[in-house]
Amino acid sequence: MMQETPQSEFEEGFVEAAGARIHYLHSGSGRPMLLLHGLVGSSRNWRNNLDGLAQHASVYAIDLVNMGKSQRVGKLDPGLRAAAHRIVAVMDALELTEADIVAHSHGGAIALMLAALYPERVRRLILFAPANPYSRSGDPIVHTYSTSWGGLLARMLPYFPVRMQRHALGEIYGGADCVVDSCLHEIVHGLRDPVTLRHVLRTVRCWFSERAKLKAALRRVRIPTLLVWGDRDFTVSLTSAVKLKRKLRGSELIVLPGVGHASFEETPEQANRIVLEWLERHPWSTQRSRLALPGVPLASVPVTSRNRNGATTGMRHLTPGT
């Protein structure tokens, strides 16, 4: 079981955007930073990151529509482009002309589409294991939950004993010990809401077509980007991280040994330090071009990485070069 850091201090609020009432957490002042959670998550997934990040930025963690405390909207378009348009509407409502975008998993896929469609609104990208076109490790899950039987399983999962829920998530997050209690709670709570559950299933069922759209859109992303991955991530493969880095000009990749899919929740202090140090090394310029900024070279440090069966993978731990 992962240990959580003390609760952050933040203010809560709501804005009307994209035809829905959007809930957010806010802390700090200075340059704006927008935090996007993953599928079946909420703004509270970031609550142990807010204090550290808010010492250097004005941080907003939002609940995507149909998630957390945001309004439930039936038959919401689950596509990445529609989600990116909704993020822009939220930014307009919060009066954020632009922001650094920090995102996780499916939220990372939305952030990449946002950067492709609205590059003028995104200063820099920090993505924790973003869903991407090059990962196939989650395909069996997508196939399963795209079936009627998978839909029934999704409806039953929130009512399983906690031990079974933790085991099921452990298969995704890199082991039951990588599942933070708050993460487990958010997923279970979300799936117990019928509108949220239907939205999640619709998102999963269109993922393959959305993955193709994201792959086509990536060529338009020319924004400094940091990718952060755990080498025990069984949801979005580390192999895809290397391919995504090659596609995103000017990007960097940091791999955390012994960490699963939600590194920002599993190791919040380390995650905050990585984010803030990278932002300091990549100051934003009002005169920046739309072309990618030169990336910092990466140094490779061999580590032992294991797959879900315990076999070594031969992957490497990448850290920023000095």
Protein backbone atom coordinates (compact mmCIF):
# COMPACT_ATOMS: atom_id res chain seq x y z
CA MET A 1 0.00 0.00 0.00
CA MET A 2 1.42 3.39 -0.99
CA GLN A 3 1.85 6.08 1.64
CA GLU A 4 0.21 9.45 1.08
CA THR A 5 1.68 12.83 1.91
CA PRO A 6 -0.26 15.27 4.12
CA GLN A 7 -3.37 16.83 2.57
CA SER A 8 -2.76 19.96 0.50
CA GLU A 9 -4.42 23.26 1.19
CA PHE A 10 -6.46 24.55 -1.74
CA GLU A 11 -9.62 26.40 -2.66
CA GLU A 12 -12.49 24.82 -4.54
CA GLY A 13 -14.63 26.47 -7.17
CA PHE A 14 -16.91 26.00 -10.18
CA VAL A 15 -17.08 27.62 -13.61
CA GLU A 16 -19.59 27.28 -16.42
CA ALA A 17 -17.86 26.04 -19.57
CA ALA A 18 -18.78 23.95 -22.64
CA GLY A 19 -22.36 23.68 -21.45
CA ALA A 20 -21.44 22.16 -18.09
CA ARG A 21 -20.57 23.16 -14.55
CA ILE A 22 -16.88 22.38 -14.06
CA HIS A 23 -15.32 21.83 -10.64
CA TYR A 24 -11.71 22.77 -9.92
CA LEU A 25 -9.13 23.01 -7.14
CA HIS A 26 -6.82 26.01 -7.05
CA SER A 27 -3.71 26.91 -5.11
CA GLY A 28 -0.80 29.31 -5.46
CA SER A 29 -0.06 32.33 -7.64
CA GLY A 30 2.14 33.17 -10.58
CA ARG A 31 2.31 31.49 -13.97
CA PRO A 32 -0.77 29.35 -14.65
CA MET A 33 -0.56 25.56 -14.57
CA LEU A 34 -3.46 23.27 -15.47
CA LEU A 35 -3.60 19.67 -14.20
CA LEU A 36 -5.61 17.03 -16.11
CA HIS A 37 -6.44 13.68 -14.51
CA GLY A 38 -6.79 10.34 -16.27
CA LEU A 39 -9.87 8.32 -17.15
CA VAL A 40 -12.08 7.57 -14.12
CA GLY A 41 -10.07 10.05 -12.05
CA SER A 42 -10.64 13.51 -10.65
CA SER A 43 -8.85 16.67 -9.58
CA ARG A 44 -8.26 15.09 -6.18
CA ASN A 45 -5.76 12.69 -7.72
CA TRP A 46 -3.41 15.69 -7.63
CA ARG A 47 -4.10 16.81 -4.07
CA ASN A 48 -0.69 15.62 -2.81
CA ASN A 49 1.02 17.56 -5.61
CA LEU A 50 -0.77 20.88 -5.22
CA ASP A 51 1.22 22.32 -2.32
CA GLY A 52 4.60 21.70 -3.91
CA LEU A 53 3.62 22.96 -7.36
CA ALA A 54 1.70 25.95 -5.96
CA GLN A 55 4.88 27.36 -4.43
CA HIS A 56 5.94 28.20 -7.98
CA ALA A 57 2.72 28.56 -10.00
CA SER A 58 -0.99 29.29 -9.95
CA VAL A 59 -2.22 25.71 -10.14
CA TYR A 60 -5.67 24.61 -11.28
CA ALA A 61 -6.67 20.94 -11.09
CA ILE A 62 -9.96 20.45 -12.88
CA ASP A 63 -12.55 17.68 -12.94
CA LEU A 64 -13.27 16.75 -16.54
CA VAL A 65 -16.94 16.70 -17.49
CA ASN A 66 -18.68 13.60 -16.07
CA MET A 67 -15.88 13.13 -13.52
CA GLY A 68 -15.34 14.17 -9.90
CA LYS A 69 -17.65 16.98 -8.85
CA SER A 70 -18.19 18.32 -12.37
CA GLN A 71 -21.61 18.10 -13.96
CA ARG A 72 -22.82 14.84 -15.54
CA VAL A 73 -23.80 15.25 -19.18
CA GLY A 74 -25.40 12.34 -21.01
CA LYS A 75 -24.19 11.38 -24.50
CA LEU A 76 -21.11 13.60 -24.20
CA ASP A 77 -18.73 13.31 -27.17
CA PRO A 78 -15.89 11.11 -25.80
CA GLY A 79 -13.43 11.99 -28.60
CA LEU A 80 -10.08 13.66 -27.97
CA ARG A 81 -10.84 16.67 -30.15
CA ALA A 82 -14.09 17.36 -28.33
CA ALA A 83 -12.29 16.97 -24.99
CA ALA A 84 -9.59 19.43 -26.12
CA HIS A 85 -12.28 21.95 -27.12
CA ARG A 86 -13.80 21.59 -23.64
CA ILE A 87 -10.42 22.27 -22.01
CA VAL A 88 -10.11 25.51 -23.99
CA ALA A 89 -13.60 26.50 -22.84
CA VAL A 90 -12.56 25.87 -19.23
CA MET A 91 -9.41 27.94 -19.72
CA ASP A 92 -11.52 30.77 -21.12
CA ALA A 93 -13.86 30.57 -18.13
CA LEU A 94 -10.87 30.68 -15.76
CA GLU A 95 -9.39 33.56 -17.80
CA LEU A 96 -6.25 31.59 -18.62
CA THR A 97 -4.90 32.79 -21.94
CA GLU A 98 -2.29 30.04 -21.83
CA ALA A 99 -0.90 27.59 -19.28
CA ASP A 100 1.63 24.87 -18.62
CA ILE A 101 -0.31 21.62 -18.98
CA VAL A 102 0.43 18.70 -16.64
CA ALA A 103 -1.55 15.57 -17.43
CA HIS A 104 -1.80 11.84 -16.77
CA SER A 105 -2.82 8.83 -18.87
CA HIS A 106 -5.97 9.60 -20.90
CA GLY A 107 -5.65 13.20 -19.75
CA GLY A 108 -2.23 13.15 -21.41
CA ALA A 109 -3.80 12.12 -24.72
CA ILE A 110 -6.22 15.05 -24.37
CA ALA A 111 -3.28 17.37 -23.61
CA LEU A 112 -1.44 16.21 -26.75
CA MET A 113 -4.53 16.86 -28.87
CA LEU A 114 -4.91 20.25 -27.16
CA ALA A 115 -1.32 21.15 -28.06
CA ALA A 116 -1.91 20.09 -31.67
CA LEU A 117 -5.16 22.05 -32.07
CA TYR A 118 -4.41 25.06 -29.86
CA PRO A 119 -0.61 25.50 -29.64
CA GLU A 120 -1.02 29.15 -28.63
CA ARG A 121 -2.79 28.04 -25.42
CA VAL A 122 -0.11 25.59 -24.28
CA ARG A 123 3.20 26.88 -22.95
CA ARG A 124 4.82 23.56 -22.04
CA LEU A 125 3.68 19.96 -21.61
CA ILE A 126 4.49 17.65 -18.71
CA LEU A 127 2.90 14.26 -19.31
CA PHE A 128 2.83 11.35 -16.88
CA ALA A 129 2.47 8.13 -18.92
CA PRO A 130 0.13 9.66 -21.50
CA ALA A 131 -2.08 7.33 -23.51
CA ASN A 132 -0.57 7.38 -26.98
CA PRO A 133 -0.77 5.73 -30.42
CA TYR A 134 2.34 3.59 -29.90
CA SER A 135 1.22 1.64 -26.83
CA ARG A 136 -0.43 -1.74 -27.33
CA SER A 137 -0.19 -2.97 -23.74
CA GLY A 138 -3.68 -1.71 -22.93
CA ASP A 139 -5.31 -3.22 -26.02
CA PRO A 140 -6.58 -6.36 -24.23
CA ILE A 141 -8.31 -4.15 -21.65
CA VAL A 142 -9.87 -2.03 -24.40
CA HIS A 143 -11.08 -5.14 -26.23
CA THR A 144 -12.50 -6.60 -23.02
CA TYR A 145 -14.44 -3.52 -21.93
CA SER A 146 -15.70 -2.92 -25.48
CA THR A 147 -17.79 -6.09 -25.24
CA SER A 148 -21.16 -6.50 -23.52
CA TRP A 149 -19.50 -8.87 -21.04
CA GLY A 150 -16.84 -6.24 -20.31
CA GLY A 151 -19.52 -3.64 -19.73
CA LEU A 152 -21.15 -5.95 -17.18
CA LEU A 153 -17.78 -6.49 -15.49
CA ALA A 154 -17.25 -2.71 -15.30
CA ARG A 155 -20.62 -2.34 -13.59
CA MET A 156 -19.79 -5.07 -11.08
CA LEU A 157 -16.19 -4.07 -10.30
CA PRO A 158 -17.05 -1.12 -7.98
CA TYR A 159 -18.94 -3.52 -5.71
CA PHE A 160 -16.25 -6.19 -5.44
CA PRO A 161 -14.38 -6.52 -2.12
CA VAL A 162 -11.59 -3.96 -1.78
CA ARG A 163 -8.93 -6.66 -1.93
CA MET A 164 -10.23 -7.81 -5.33
CA GLN A 165 -10.42 -4.23 -6.57
CA ARG A 166 -6.82 -3.58 -5.51
CA HIS A 167 -5.67 -6.78 -7.21
CA ALA A 168 -7.49 -5.86 -10.42
CA LEU A 169 -5.95 -2.39 -10.48
CA GLY A 170 -2.56 -3.83 -9.60
CA GLU A 171 -2.57 -5.66 -12.92
CA ILE A 172 -2.75 -2.24 -14.57
CA TYR A 173 -0.72 -0.05 -12.25
CA GLY A 174 2.34 -2.26 -11.85
CA GLY A 175 1.35 -4.23 -8.75
CA ALA A 176 -1.12 -3.89 -5.89
CA ASP A 177 1.52 -2.04 -3.86
CA CYS A 178 1.52 0.72 -6.52
CA VAL A 179 -2.19 1.46 -6.08
CA VAL A 180 -2.61 4.54 -3.88
CA ASP A 181 -5.70 4.42 -1.67
CA SER A 182 -7.00 7.73 -3.04
CA CYS A 183 -6.60 6.45 -6.61
CA LEU A 184 -8.56 3.30 -5.78
CA HIS A 185 -11.28 5.38 -4.14
CA GLU A 186 -11.62 7.73 -7.13
CA ILE A 187 -11.94 4.88 -9.62
CA VAL A 188 -14.47 2.95 -7.55
CA HIS A 189 -16.49 6.09 -6.75
CA GLY A 190 -16.49 7.12 -10.41
CA LEU A 191 -17.62 3.76 -11.74
CA ARG A 192 -20.53 3.71 -9.30
CA ASP A 193 -22.00 6.74 -11.08
CA PRO A 194 -24.05 5.46 -14.06
CA VAL A 195 -23.39 8.52 -16.27
CA THR A 196 -19.66 8.37 -15.57
CA LEU A 197 -19.60 4.64 -16.24
CA ARG A 198 -21.39 5.05 -19.59
CA HIS A 199 -18.99 7.85 -20.56
CA VAL A 200 -15.97 5.73 -19.64
CA LEU A 201 -17.25 2.77 -21.67
CA ARG A 202 -17.95 5.02 -24.67
CA THR A 203 -14.43 6.43 -24.37
CA VAL A 204 -12.94 2.95 -24.30
CA ARG A 205 -15.02 1.73 -27.26
CA CYS A 206 -13.81 4.54 -29.53
CA TRP A 207 -10.19 4.40 -28.38
CA PHE A 208 -8.76 2.68 -31.47
CA SER A 209 -10.21 5.26 -33.85
CA GLU A 210 -9.18 8.09 -31.51
CA ARG A 211 -5.66 6.65 -31.33
CA ALA A 212 -5.39 6.96 -35.11
CA LYS A 213 -6.54 10.60 -34.95
CA LEU A 214 -3.98 11.37 -32.24
CA LYS A 215 -1.19 9.77 -34.26
CA ALA A 216 -2.00 12.05 -37.18
CA ALA A 217 -2.16 15.09 -34.88
CA LEU A 218 1.21 14.51 -33.21
CA ARG A 219 3.11 15.96 -36.16
CA ARG A 220 1.64 19.35 -35.24
CA VAL A 221 2.90 19.29 -31.64
CA ARG A 222 5.93 21.60 -31.47
CA ILE A 223 5.94 22.46 -27.78
CA PRO A 224 8.65 21.64 -25.21
CA THR A 225 7.50 18.38 -23.61
CA LEU A 226 8.57 16.30 -20.63
CA LEU A 227 7.52 12.64 -20.51
CA VAL A 228 7.60 10.84 -17.15
CA TRP A 229 7.11 7.06 -16.95
CA GLY A 230 7.34 4.32 -14.36
CA ASP A 231 9.18 1.20 -15.49
CA ARG A 232 6.42 -0.93 -13.89
CA ASP A 233 3.66 0.69 -15.94
CA PHE A 234 1.58 -2.08 -17.51
CA THR A 235 -1.14 0.27 -18.76
CA VAL A 236 0.85 2.44 -21.18
CA SER A 237 4.03 0.66 -22.21
CA LEU A 238 7.49 2.08 -21.64
CA THR A 239 8.37 1.03 -25.19
CA SER A 240 5.75 3.47 -26.43
CA ALA A 241 7.39 6.22 -24.36
CA VAL A 242 10.58 5.87 -26.39
CA LYS A 243 8.64 6.01 -29.67
CA LEU A 244 6.59 8.99 -28.50
CA LYS A 245 9.75 10.86 -27.50
CA ARG A 246 11.18 10.36 -30.98
CA LYS A 247 8.00 11.75 -32.51
CA LEU A 248 7.85 14.84 -30.26
CA ARG A 249 10.71 17.12 -31.24
CA GLY A 250 12.42 18.79 -28.30
CA SER A 251 10.99 16.36 -25.77
CA GLU A 252 12.68 14.60 -22.86
CA LEU A 253 11.95 11.31 -21.12
CA ILE A 254 12.49 10.40 -17.49
CA VAL A 255 11.85 6.82 -16.37
CA LEU A 256 11.34 6.09 -12.68
CA PRO A 257 12.42 2.60 -11.54
CA GLY A 258 10.00 0.62 -9.40
CA VAL A 259 7.08 2.94 -10.17
CA GLY A 260 3.78 2.05 -11.84
CA HIS A 261 1.25 3.94 -13.95
CA ALA A 262 0.52 6.88 -11.61
CA SER A 263 3.98 8.09 -10.60
CA PHE A 264 2.70 11.51 -9.54
CA GLU A 265 0.48 9.81 -6.94
CA GLU A 266 2.91 7.07 -5.96
CA THR A 267 5.85 9.46 -5.43
CA PRO A 268 4.37 12.99 -5.28
CA GLU A 269 7.42 14.74 -3.87
CA GLN A 270 9.72 13.22 -6.49
CA ALA A 271 7.22 14.01 -9.24
CA ASN A 272 6.95 17.64 -8.14
CA ARG A 273 10.72 17.99 -8.06
CA ILE A 274 11.02 16.57 -11.58
CA VAL A 275 8.33 18.92 -12.91
CA LEU A 276 9.74 22.06 -11.30
CA GLU A 277 13.35 21.35 -12.22
CA TRP A 278 12.39 20.72 -15.83
CA LEU A 279 10.32 23.91 -16.01
CA GLU A 280 13.23 25.87 -14.61
CA ARG A 281 15.49 24.50 -17.34
CA HIS A 282 12.92 25.33 -20.01
CA PRO A 283 11.87 28.94 -19.39
CA TRP A 284 9.01 30.10 -21.53
CA SER A 285 9.61 33.03 -23.86
CA THR A 286 6.93 35.36 -25.17
CA GLN A 287 8.91 35.48 -28.38
CA ARG A 288 9.05 31.72 -28.83
CA SER A 289 8.55 30.28 -32.27
CA ARG A 290 6.07 27.57 -33.07
CA LEU A 291 8.99 25.26 -33.79
CA ALA A 292 10.21 22.90 -31.11
CA LEU A 293 12.94 24.12 -28.82
CA PRO A 294 16.15 22.09 -28.78
CA GLY A 295 15.95 19.21 -26.34
CA VAL A 296 18.47 18.53 -23.62
CA PRO A 297 20.52 15.39 -24.37
CA LEU A 298 19.57 12.29 -22.45
CA ALA A 299 21.98 10.08 -20.57
CA SER A 300 21.10 6.41 -20.28
CA VAL A 301 21.65 4.57 -17.02
CA PRO A 302 21.01 0.80 -17.16
CA VAL A 303 18.53 -0.51 -14.64
CA THR A 304 16.78 -3.84 -14.16
CA SER A 305 13.20 -3.53 -15.34
CA ARG A 306 10.71 -6.39 -15.14
CA ASN A 307 7.49 -7.12 -16.91
CA ARG A 308 4.30 -8.41 -15.21
CA ASN A 309 5.67 -11.98 -15.32
CA GLY A 310 8.89 -10.99 -13.55
CA ALA A 311 11.15 -11.32 -16.58
CA THR A 312 13.77 -8.67 -17.22
CA THR A 313 12.98 -6.39 -20.14
CA GLY A 314 16.35 -4.82 -20.83
CA MET A 315 14.87 -1.31 -20.79
CA ARG A 316 16.92 1.66 -19.67
CA HIS A 317 16.38 4.37 -17.14
CA LEU A 318 16.59 7.75 -18.86
CA THR A 319 17.54 10.85 -16.93
CA PRO A 320 18.23 14.39 -18.14
CA GLY A 321 21.84 14.80 -19.22
CA THR A 322 24.03 17.29 -17.41
